[in-house]
Amino acid sequence: MGSEPIGAAKSDAQNSIQVLDRSECLRLLQETRFGRVAVRMPDGSPALRPVNYAFDAHSQSVVFRTGRGSKLHGLLMAGRAAFEIDGIDPAAHTGWSVIVSGVTEEVHAPSEVERLLMLGVAPWAPEEKPWFVRLRAFSVSGRRVRGSGGEATPQRR
C-alpha cells in the first residue's frame, strides 16, 4: 500500500490556482443568480441557506428576498453574514468561487425597495417573501482553479 490515505483524491498537477481581483469577483456576482448565505444564529450555531439573489452595483451589495422565519431572524440578529457563489466543471477539474462578507440589513425605505425590485430579484420558492435583505460587500475574495488547457469558465450554478 502507498502512503496516501484511503480515498484520497489525486490532484491534477497541471491545474493552477488564480486569486481573483475584486473587479472579477464583482463581475461574477453580477452574472450569477444563485448562492449560499451563511450566518451565526442567536444560539451560536451556523446556518447556511441557498438563495437566489441579485448583485446591486449601486450599493455594492448582494440582495435577496425572504419571509419571516429563522433565516431572516438570524441574519438581522447577527448583523453580519457571508455569501458564496461558485461555478464548476467536474470533468475538467476546474472551477471558481467568490466569497462576500459584510453587514446585513433589512431594506425598508419604499424608494429603495422600488429600486431593488427593478433588479429582478424574484423568489423561486412558493412562499411569500416580501422582505429584502442586503449584504454589503465589505470583503470580497475569489479563486479560480484553471486546468492545464487554460480552462477558466466552468458552468455557473
Protein backbone atom coordinates (compact mmCIF):
# COMPACT_ATOMS: atom_id res chain seq x y z
CA MET A 1 0.00 0.00 0.00
CA GLY A 2 1.09 3.56 -0.73
CA SER A 3 1.33 6.37 1.77
CA GLU A 4 -1.86 8.09 0.54
CA PRO A 5 -4.89 7.91 2.82
CA ILE A 6 -7.69 5.66 1.63
CA GLY A 7 -9.99 7.57 -0.69
CA ALA A 8 -7.55 10.46 -1.15
CA ALA A 9 -8.13 12.32 -4.39
CA LYS A 10 -5.15 12.89 -6.63
CA SER A 11 -4.78 16.49 -7.73
CA ASP A 12 -4.11 17.37 -11.32
CA ALA A 13 -0.52 18.63 -11.28
CA GLN A 14 -1.31 20.70 -14.38
CA ASN A 15 -4.00 22.78 -12.64
CA SER A 16 -3.21 26.12 -11.06
CA ILE A 17 -4.97 28.44 -8.63
CA GLN A 18 -5.57 32.06 -9.53
CA VAL A 19 -6.63 34.67 -6.98
CA LEU A 20 -9.39 36.81 -8.46
CA ASP A 21 -9.28 40.58 -8.04
CA ARG A 22 -12.29 42.49 -6.73
CA SER A 23 -13.47 43.60 -10.18
CA GLU A 24 -13.56 39.98 -11.45
CA CYS A 25 -15.40 38.88 -8.29
CA LEU A 26 -17.98 41.64 -8.75
CA ARG A 27 -18.42 40.65 -12.42
CA LEU A 28 -19.12 37.05 -11.39
CA LEU A 29 -21.54 38.27 -8.70
CA GLN A 30 -23.43 40.27 -11.34
CA GLU A 31 -23.62 37.33 -13.76
CA THR A 32 -24.71 34.71 -11.25
CA ARG A 33 -28.14 34.46 -9.61
CA PHE A 34 -27.83 31.63 -7.06
CA GLY A 35 -25.65 31.41 -3.96
CA ARG A 36 -25.50 30.45 -0.31
CA VAL A 37 -25.79 32.77 2.66
CA ALA A 38 -24.16 31.83 5.96
CA VAL A 39 -25.00 33.36 9.35
CA ARG A 40 -24.49 32.64 13.00
CA MET A 41 -27.85 32.05 14.64
CA PRO A 42 -28.71 33.58 18.03
CA ASP A 43 -27.86 30.28 19.74
CA GLY A 44 -24.37 30.39 18.17
CA SER A 45 -24.95 27.64 15.64
CA PRO A 46 -24.14 28.28 11.98
CA ALA A 47 -26.85 28.37 9.34
CA LEU A 48 -26.22 28.02 5.62
CA ARG A 49 -29.10 28.60 3.21
CA PRO A 50 -29.40 28.69 -0.59
CA VAL A 51 -30.89 31.88 -2.04
CA ASN A 52 -31.48 33.39 -5.43
CA TYR A 53 -30.18 36.95 -5.48
CA ALA A 54 -29.09 39.95 -7.50
CA PHE A 55 -25.93 41.98 -7.11
CA ASP A 56 -26.68 45.66 -6.66
CA ALA A 57 -23.65 47.50 -8.05
CA HIS A 58 -25.02 50.82 -6.77
CA SER A 59 -24.73 49.76 -3.12
CA GLN A 60 -22.05 47.05 -3.66
CA SER A 61 -24.46 44.56 -2.11
CA VAL A 62 -25.91 41.11 -2.53
CA VAL A 63 -29.70 41.45 -2.33
CA PHE A 64 -32.25 38.71 -1.80
CA ARG A 65 -35.81 38.37 -0.60
CA THR A 66 -37.10 36.44 2.35
CA GLY A 67 -40.15 35.80 4.50
CA ARG A 68 -40.48 35.65 8.25
CA GLY A 69 -38.57 32.81 9.83
CA SER A 70 -35.25 31.69 11.15
CA LYS A 71 -33.11 32.81 8.20
CA LEU A 72 -34.28 36.42 8.33
CA HIS A 73 -34.21 36.49 12.11
CA GLY A 74 -30.71 35.03 12.19
CA LEU A 75 -29.47 37.49 9.57
CA LEU A 76 -30.87 40.53 11.29
CA MET A 77 -29.83 39.44 14.77
CA ALA A 78 -26.28 38.60 13.67
CA GLY A 79 -25.83 41.80 11.68
CA ARG A 80 -23.08 40.09 9.68
CA ALA A 81 -23.11 37.27 7.17
CA ALA A 82 -21.09 35.58 4.47
CA PHE A 83 -22.23 34.71 0.98
CA GLU A 84 -20.71 32.30 -1.56
CA ILE A 85 -21.19 31.62 -5.27
CA ASP A 86 -19.33 29.18 -7.47
CA GLY A 87 -19.09 27.54 -10.85
CA ILE A 88 -17.54 24.16 -11.61
CA ASP A 89 -16.62 21.83 -14.44
CA PRO A 90 -16.15 18.40 -12.78
CA ALA A 91 -14.82 16.76 -15.96
CA ALA A 92 -12.04 19.34 -16.38
CA HIS A 93 -11.38 19.69 -12.62
CA THR A 94 -11.80 23.46 -12.90
CA GLY A 95 -13.94 25.92 -11.02
CA TRP A 96 -14.17 29.22 -9.26
CA SER A 97 -15.68 30.64 -6.10
CA VAL A 98 -16.39 34.09 -4.73
CA ILE A 99 -16.97 34.82 -1.05
CA VAL A 100 -18.51 38.03 0.24
CA SER A 101 -18.71 39.03 3.88
CA GLY A 102 -20.24 42.11 5.39
CA VAL A 103 -23.06 43.71 7.29
CA THR A 104 -26.67 42.66 6.74
CA GLU A 105 -29.70 44.89 6.90
CA GLU A 106 -33.35 44.69 6.05
CA VAL A 107 -34.36 47.28 3.43
CA HIS A 108 -37.43 49.30 4.46
CA ALA A 109 -37.34 52.60 2.54
CA PRO A 110 -40.04 52.48 -0.17
CA SER A 111 -37.83 54.22 -2.76
CA GLU A 112 -35.02 51.74 -2.13
CA VAL A 113 -37.39 48.74 -2.26
CA GLU A 114 -38.73 50.05 -5.59
CA ARG A 115 -35.18 50.37 -6.95
CA LEU A 116 -34.31 46.83 -5.79
CA LEU A 117 -37.45 45.43 -7.40
CA MET A 118 -36.07 46.66 -10.73
CA LEU A 119 -33.05 44.34 -10.25
CA GLY A 120 -35.39 41.40 -10.83
CA VAL A 121 -34.96 39.58 -7.52
CA ALA A 122 -37.98 37.29 -7.53
CA PRO A 123 -38.24 34.41 -5.05
CA TRP A 124 -38.10 30.91 -6.52
CA ALA A 125 -39.80 29.31 -3.52
CA PRO A 126 -43.60 29.38 -3.48
CA GLU A 127 -43.90 31.10 -0.09
CA GLU A 128 -44.41 34.84 0.10
CA LYS A 129 -41.07 36.65 0.54
CA PRO A 130 -41.85 40.35 0.86
CA TRP A 131 -38.71 41.46 2.73
CA PHE A 132 -35.45 42.49 1.08
CA VAL A 133 -32.17 41.75 2.84
CA ARG A 134 -28.97 43.46 1.74
CA LEU A 135 -25.49 42.11 2.48
CA ARG A 136 -22.98 44.87 1.88
CA ALA A 137 -19.86 43.51 0.20
CA PHE A 138 -17.23 44.88 2.58
CA SER A 139 -14.90 41.96 1.93
CA VAL A 140 -14.85 40.18 -1.44
CA SER A 141 -12.44 37.42 -2.41
CA GLY A 142 -12.31 34.78 -5.07
CA ARG A 143 -10.25 31.96 -6.52
CA ARG A 144 -10.24 30.08 -9.78
CA VAL A 145 -8.74 26.66 -10.44
CA ARG A 146 -7.54 26.58 -14.03
CA GLY A 147 -6.98 23.39 -15.97
CA SER A 148 -3.84 22.62 -17.93
CA GLY A 149 -5.55 23.74 -21.14
CA GLY A 150 -6.29 27.13 -19.60
CA GLU A 151 -9.95 26.33 -18.92
CA ALA A 152 -11.35 29.10 -16.78
CA THR A 153 -15.07 29.35 -17.39
CA PRO A 154 -16.87 26.44 -15.73
CA GLN A 155 -20.63 26.26 -15.66
CA ARG A 156 -22.28 28.65 -13.23
CA ARG A 157 -24.69 27.20 -10.72
